[in-house]
Amino acid sequence: MIEKTHSVAQRTRALITPIAMRILLLVIILGSIAVYLLPDLPGDAHLGLQSLWLFGVWLVLNWQLVRLLTNPYYFPRSLCHC
């Protein structure tokens, strides 16, 4: 029987992805706390900063969801009838 081997890139990606996800989650949590605890900025700057942060978090979470749903390891084509 032939043993299936993975490339260096695949092994590296498998190692880095969980670490990167933990770092990303930590950045989202700490950034959210920082944005809402910042002292009041003049005018609508604080509201603008909060809006930009929330849009960034929404964008990153959607990006991760798309990556998950398009990953054939978790969702093979045979399951989605594509």
Protein backbone atom coordinates (compact mmCIF):
# COMPACT_ATOMS: atom_id res chain seq x y z
CA MET A 1 0.00 0.00 0.00
CA ILE A 2 1.30 3.45 -0.91
CA GLU A 3 1.52 5.84 2.01
CA LYS A 4 0.00 9.24 1.31
CA THR A 5 2.42 12.03 2.13
CA HIS A 6 1.72 15.70 2.49
CA SER A 7 3.81 18.50 1.09
CA VAL A 8 5.75 20.83 3.35
CA ALA A 9 3.28 23.61 2.50
CA GLN A 10 0.31 21.49 3.59
CA ARG A 11 1.98 20.51 6.87
CA THR A 12 2.99 24.11 7.55
CA ARG A 13 -0.53 25.37 6.79
CA ALA A 14 -2.00 22.72 9.10
CA LEU A 15 0.29 23.92 11.89
CA ILE A 16 -0.09 27.66 11.36
CA THR A 17 -3.85 27.82 10.81
CA PRO A 18 -4.89 26.95 14.41
CA ILE A 19 -2.30 29.37 15.80
CA ALA A 20 -3.40 32.12 13.41
CA MET A 21 -7.04 31.60 14.34
CA ARG A 22 -6.25 31.94 18.05
CA ILE A 23 -4.27 35.11 17.41
CA LEU A 24 -7.08 36.49 15.24
CA LEU A 25 -9.65 35.76 17.95
CA LEU A 26 -7.45 37.43 20.57
CA VAL A 27 -7.00 40.51 18.36
CA ILE A 28 -10.76 40.74 17.80
CA ILE A 29 -11.51 40.47 21.52
CA LEU A 30 -8.79 42.88 22.68
CA GLY A 31 -9.53 45.31 19.87
CA SER A 32 -13.22 45.30 20.70
CA ILE A 33 -12.47 46.07 24.32
CA ALA A 34 -10.01 48.83 23.37
CA VAL A 35 -12.38 50.48 20.89
CA TYR A 36 -15.22 50.67 23.39
CA LEU A 37 -13.05 51.73 26.34
CA LEU A 38 -11.20 54.50 24.53
CA PRO A 39 -11.83 57.95 25.94
CA ASP A 40 -14.34 59.98 24.00
CA LEU A 41 -12.83 61.36 20.85
CA PRO A 42 -13.93 64.75 19.50
CA GLY A 43 -17.07 64.85 17.41
CA ASP A 44 -18.17 61.67 15.68
CA ALA A 45 -14.66 60.20 15.59
CA HIS A 46 -15.46 57.62 18.27
CA LEU A 47 -18.58 56.46 16.43
CA GLY A 48 -16.59 56.30 13.19
CA LEU A 49 -13.86 54.24 14.87
CA GLN A 50 -16.42 51.84 16.32
CA SER A 51 -18.12 51.49 12.94
CA LEU A 52 -14.83 50.76 11.19
CA TRP A 53 -13.88 48.19 13.83
CA LEU A 54 -17.25 46.42 13.60
CA PHE A 55 -17.04 46.38 9.80
CA GLY A 56 -13.54 44.89 10.04
CA VAL A 57 -14.68 42.19 12.46
CA TRP A 58 -17.68 41.40 10.23
CA LEU A 59 -15.39 41.17 7.20
CA VAL A 60 -12.91 38.84 8.90
CA LEU A 61 -15.63 36.55 10.26
CA ASN A 62 -17.32 36.31 6.86
CA TRP A 63 -13.95 35.59 5.23
CA GLN A 64 -13.37 32.73 7.69
CA LEU A 65 -16.88 31.38 7.10
CA VAL A 66 -16.33 31.35 3.32
CA ARG A 67 -12.97 29.61 3.81
CA LEU A 68 -14.67 26.97 5.97
CA LEU A 69 -17.57 26.39 3.58
CA THR A 70 -15.30 26.13 0.53
CA ASN A 71 -12.83 23.76 2.21
CA PRO A 72 -13.28 20.32 0.61
CA TYR A 73 -11.85 18.66 3.74
CA TYR A 74 -14.90 19.72 5.78
CA PHE A 75 -17.48 19.87 3.00
CA PRO A 76 -16.70 17.45 0.15
CA ARG A 77 -18.38 18.16 -3.19
CA SER A 78 -20.34 14.92 -2.88
CA LEU A 79 -22.22 16.36 0.12
CA CYS A 80 -23.28 19.64 -1.46
CA HIS A 81 -24.24 18.19 -4.88
CA CYS A 82 -22.41 20.99 -6.70
